[in-house]
Amino acid sequence: MRLPLLIFMFCAAPACAQQGFEELRHEMVKVQIAARGIRDTATLRAMRSVPRHEFVPPELISGAYGDFALPIGSGQTISQPYIVALMTELIDPANAAKVLEVGSGSGYQAAVLAEIVDSVYTIEIVPELASSAAKRLKRLGYENVVVRQGDGYLGWPEHAPFDAILVTAAPDHIPDPLVAQLNDGGVMVIPVGSAGSIQSLTVVRKEDGKVVTESKLPVRFVPLTRER
């Protein structure tokens, strides 16, 4: 779906442009997300609320609500809207007060989570992206998100345990530090697989100290990079 040029040709006023974006968001949720089986009401509401066009490069704004991922610089991407919604739904966000995200990117997934949960801690390894995501989230009023630049493989032990962990880049195995920081009864959603190949979106549950994993569907994410 491409942003209609008419929005810009006949809708110069900011309020009118925002109305156009809101209509695109509702259409995105209806066609790309709800129609594919996402049912969690909090997730659907958050996807309708977060202004996705604020999280993409200005030159790509016409594709902000399209059914695809977009590059955001530094070799990273903002995920396809359906994948963002699916990963959000899979962590059962209504029961997750404190969430860790690994891979802040532009901050979009963190903003979606922040619409639902009490607090979001998000880690980004690329300094430029971490800085811009923090500024963007603050500008948009997401006061319950804390951004840190660092190696997401190691998690954020100072704020552990987390009720849910959401990883938006793919390691070739499930990181032990993240499993250790998951609360008992918590859920982690993570793509697992080799770089450049099809990965498996995996749900990891910690139940009574035991770890249970379930593969959901094939996906393709950028690799999870580490600090040297």
Protein backbone atom coordinates (compact mmCIF):
# COMPACT_ATOMS: atom_id res chain seq x y z
CA MET A 1 0.00 0.00 0.00
CA ARG A 2 1.47 3.38 -1.02
CA LEU A 3 0.61 6.63 0.74
CA PRO A 4 -1.89 8.42 -1.55
CA LEU A 5 -0.37 11.52 -3.12
CA LEU A 6 -3.72 13.20 -2.64
CA ILE A 7 -2.96 13.50 1.06
CA PHE A 8 -0.13 15.86 0.22
CA MET A 9 -1.76 17.57 -2.77
CA PHE A 10 -5.01 18.55 -1.09
CA CYS A 11 -4.15 18.22 2.59
CA ALA A 12 -1.46 20.71 3.48
CA ALA A 13 -2.69 21.41 7.01
CA PRO A 14 -0.93 19.21 9.64
CA ALA A 15 -4.24 18.13 11.18
CA CYS A 16 -5.51 17.00 7.79
CA ALA A 17 -2.29 15.09 7.05
CA GLN A 18 -2.50 13.35 10.41
CA GLN A 19 -6.06 12.30 9.62
CA GLY A 20 -4.78 10.73 6.42
CA PHE A 21 -2.10 8.80 8.30
CA GLU A 22 -4.68 7.64 10.84
CA GLU A 23 -6.86 6.29 8.07
CA LEU A 24 -3.89 4.42 6.64
CA ARG A 25 -3.13 2.91 10.05
CA HIS A 26 -6.68 1.66 10.43
CA GLU A 27 -6.56 0.17 6.94
CA MET A 28 -3.18 -1.41 7.73
CA VAL A 29 -4.58 -3.09 10.84
CA LYS A 30 -7.73 -4.25 9.09
CA VAL A 31 -6.10 -5.68 5.93
CA GLN A 32 -2.60 -6.69 6.98
CA ILE A 33 -3.03 -7.68 10.62
CA ALA A 34 -6.56 -8.54 11.76
CA ALA A 35 -7.30 -10.33 8.49
CA ARG A 36 -4.28 -12.58 9.14
CA GLY A 37 -5.52 -13.73 12.50
CA ILE A 38 -4.19 -11.27 15.09
CA ARG A 39 -6.92 -11.08 17.73
CA ASP A 40 -5.36 -9.55 20.83
CA THR A 41 -7.32 -6.33 21.38
CA ALA A 42 -4.46 -4.48 23.09
CA THR A 43 -2.12 -5.28 20.21
CA LEU A 44 -4.63 -4.15 17.60
CA ARG A 45 -5.28 -0.94 19.51
CA ALA A 46 -1.55 -0.19 19.80
CA MET A 47 -0.97 -0.82 16.10
CA ARG A 48 -3.77 1.64 15.30
CA SER A 49 -2.30 4.23 17.66
CA VAL A 50 1.45 4.33 16.97
CA PRO A 51 2.35 6.68 14.09
CA ARG A 52 4.52 4.32 12.04
CA HIS A 53 5.40 7.10 9.59
CA GLU A 54 7.38 8.78 12.39
CA PHE A 55 9.71 5.77 12.58
CA VAL A 56 10.82 5.50 8.95
CA PRO A 57 13.28 7.70 7.03
CA PRO A 58 11.56 10.75 5.48
CA GLU A 59 12.31 9.59 1.95
CA LEU A 60 10.43 6.32 2.61
CA ILE A 61 7.36 7.81 4.27
CA SER A 62 5.16 6.87 1.31
CA GLY A 63 5.71 3.21 2.22
CA ALA A 64 5.33 3.60 5.99
CA TYR A 65 2.06 1.65 6.11
CA GLY A 66 2.92 -0.89 3.43
CA ASP A 67 3.01 -4.64 3.94
CA PHE A 68 6.80 -4.90 4.04
CA ALA A 69 9.91 -4.12 6.06
CA LEU A 70 11.84 -0.92 5.33
CA PRO A 71 15.52 0.01 5.74
CA ILE A 72 16.29 2.50 8.49
CA GLY A 73 20.05 2.81 8.00
CA SER A 74 23.13 1.05 9.41
CA GLY A 75 22.02 -2.18 7.74
CA GLN A 76 18.91 -2.42 9.95
CA THR A 77 15.19 -2.49 9.17
CA ILE A 78 11.80 -1.67 10.63
CA SER A 79 9.86 -4.93 10.53
CA GLN A 80 6.74 -5.62 8.47
CA PRO A 81 3.65 -4.45 10.43
CA TYR A 82 2.21 -7.96 10.64
CA ILE A 83 5.40 -9.32 12.20
CA VAL A 84 5.45 -6.49 14.75
CA ALA A 85 1.85 -7.28 15.69
CA LEU A 86 2.43 -11.03 15.79
CA MET A 87 5.46 -10.78 18.06
CA THR A 88 3.57 -8.38 20.33
CA GLU A 89 0.60 -10.73 20.58
CA LEU A 90 2.82 -13.75 21.25
CA ILE A 91 4.29 -12.28 24.44
CA ASP A 92 0.75 -11.96 25.88
CA PRO A 93 1.31 -8.23 26.54
CA ALA A 94 -1.64 -7.76 28.91
CA ASN A 95 0.18 -9.98 31.41
CA ALA A 96 3.64 -8.48 30.88
CA ALA A 97 4.30 -5.45 33.06
CA LYS A 98 8.03 -5.17 32.30
CA VAL A 99 9.41 -6.03 28.86
CA LEU A 100 12.93 -6.19 27.45
CA GLU A 101 13.42 -5.57 23.74
CA VAL A 102 16.68 -6.50 22.04
CA GLY A 103 17.18 -4.45 18.89
CA SER A 104 15.60 -1.00 19.24
CA GLY A 105 16.08 -0.03 15.60
CA SER A 106 13.99 3.07 14.98
CA GLY A 107 11.99 2.51 18.18
CA TYR A 108 8.74 1.39 16.53
CA GLN A 109 8.36 -1.98 18.27
CA ALA A 110 9.19 -0.34 21.60
CA ALA A 111 6.47 2.26 21.00
CA VAL A 112 3.91 -0.45 20.24
CA LEU A 113 4.84 -2.26 23.46
CA ALA A 114 4.77 1.00 25.44
CA GLU A 115 1.13 1.49 24.48
CA ILE A 116 0.30 -1.70 26.41
CA VAL A 117 2.82 -2.53 29.15
CA ASP A 118 4.07 -0.57 32.16
CA SER A 119 7.73 -0.30 31.17
CA VAL A 120 9.94 -1.16 28.20
CA TYR A 121 13.71 -1.53 28.34
CA THR A 122 15.22 -1.61 24.87
CA ILE A 123 18.83 -2.19 23.79
CA GLU A 124 20.39 -1.21 20.47
CA ILE A 125 23.97 -2.05 19.51
CA VAL A 126 24.33 0.67 16.83
CA PRO A 127 25.08 3.96 18.63
CA GLU A 128 23.45 6.18 15.98
CA LEU A 129 20.22 4.17 16.05
CA ALA A 130 20.14 4.03 19.85
CA SER A 131 20.51 7.80 20.05
CA SER A 132 17.91 8.58 17.39
CA ALA A 133 15.41 6.05 18.80
CA ALA A 134 15.73 7.56 22.28
CA LYS A 135 15.15 11.08 20.95
CA ARG A 136 12.23 9.99 18.77
CA LEU A 137 10.47 8.10 21.54
CA LYS A 138 10.90 11.02 23.92
CA ARG A 139 9.58 13.48 21.32
CA LEU A 140 6.51 11.32 20.78
CA GLY A 141 5.80 11.13 24.51
CA TYR A 142 6.76 7.54 25.32
CA GLU A 143 7.99 8.18 28.84
CA ASN A 144 7.83 4.51 29.86
CA VAL A 145 10.59 3.45 27.44
CA VAL A 146 14.28 3.39 28.42
CA VAL A 147 16.81 3.06 25.60
CA ARG A 148 20.36 1.87 26.09
CA GLN A 149 23.21 1.35 23.64
CA GLY A 150 24.89 -2.01 24.12
CA ASP A 151 25.15 -5.70 23.36
CA GLY A 152 21.62 -7.09 23.48
CA TYR A 153 22.83 -10.69 23.64
CA LEU A 154 23.75 -10.00 27.27
CA GLY A 155 20.34 -8.54 28.11
CA TRP A 156 19.93 -5.95 30.85
CA PRO A 157 20.62 -7.77 34.14
CA GLU A 158 20.25 -4.64 36.26
CA HIS A 159 16.53 -4.58 35.50
CA ALA A 160 15.89 -8.33 35.32
CA PRO A 161 13.79 -10.37 35.62
CA PHE A 162 11.48 -9.45 32.75
CA ASP A 163 7.94 -10.69 32.22
CA ALA A 164 8.61 -10.84 28.50
CA ILE A 165 11.57 -10.48 26.14
CA LEU A 166 11.20 -9.63 22.47
CA VAL A 167 14.21 -9.97 20.16
CA THR A 168 14.10 -8.24 16.78
CA ALA A 169 17.34 -9.61 15.31
CA ALA A 170 18.32 -13.22 14.77
CA PRO A 171 21.04 -15.09 16.68
CA ASP A 172 21.98 -18.61 15.59
CA HIS A 173 20.91 -19.94 19.00
CA ILE A 174 18.81 -18.82 21.97
CA PRO A 175 21.07 -16.68 24.21
CA ASP A 176 21.48 -18.12 27.71
CA PRO A 177 21.69 -14.65 29.35
CA LEU A 178 18.24 -13.78 28.00
CA VAL A 179 16.73 -17.03 29.23
CA ALA A 180 18.25 -16.37 32.66
CA GLN A 181 16.67 -12.90 32.76
CA LEU A 182 13.19 -14.17 31.89
CA ASN A 183 10.77 -14.27 34.81
CA ASP A 184 9.23 -17.60 35.77
CA GLY A 185 6.05 -17.80 33.75
CA GLY A 186 7.48 -15.35 31.25
CA VAL A 187 7.65 -15.49 27.46
CA MET A 188 10.39 -14.67 24.99
CA VAL A 189 9.81 -14.30 21.24
CA ILE A 190 12.95 -14.57 19.14
CA PRO A 191 13.93 -15.38 15.54
CA VAL A 192 16.59 -18.10 15.55
CA GLY A 193 18.75 -19.11 12.62
CA SER A 194 21.84 -18.38 10.58
CA ALA A 195 22.45 -15.02 8.93
CA GLY A 196 21.26 -14.90 5.34
CA SER A 197 18.98 -17.90 5.74
CA ILE A 198 15.37 -18.47 6.68
CA GLN A 199 15.01 -18.37 10.47
CA SER A 200 12.37 -19.73 12.82
CA LEU A 201 10.29 -17.35 14.92
CA THR A 202 10.46 -19.13 18.25
CA VAL A 203 8.46 -18.75 21.45
CA VAL A 204 10.39 -19.55 24.61
CA ARG A 205 8.47 -20.11 27.84
CA LYS A 206 9.94 -20.52 31.31
CA GLU A 207 7.60 -22.63 33.42
CA ASP A 208 8.60 -23.73 36.94
CA GLY A 209 12.23 -23.26 36.03
CA LYS A 210 11.97 -25.35 32.87
CA VAL A 211 12.35 -23.92 29.39
CA VAL A 212 9.91 -24.92 26.66
CA THR A 213 10.32 -23.76 23.05
CA GLU A 214 7.90 -23.71 20.14
CA SER A 215 8.58 -22.74 16.52
CA LYS A 216 5.86 -20.56 15.03
CA LEU A 217 6.74 -19.69 11.44
CA PRO A 218 9.66 -19.03 9.08
CA VAL A 219 10.93 -15.43 9.07
CA ARG A 220 13.89 -13.41 7.83
CA PHE A 221 15.51 -10.93 10.22
CA VAL A 222 18.84 -9.11 10.22
CA PRO A 223 21.45 -11.00 12.28
CA LEU A 224 21.98 -10.23 15.96
CA THR A 225 25.38 -8.58 16.09
CA ARG A 226 27.72 -8.58 19.07
CA GLU A 227 30.17 -6.07 20.50
CA ARG A 228 33.76 -7.09 19.93
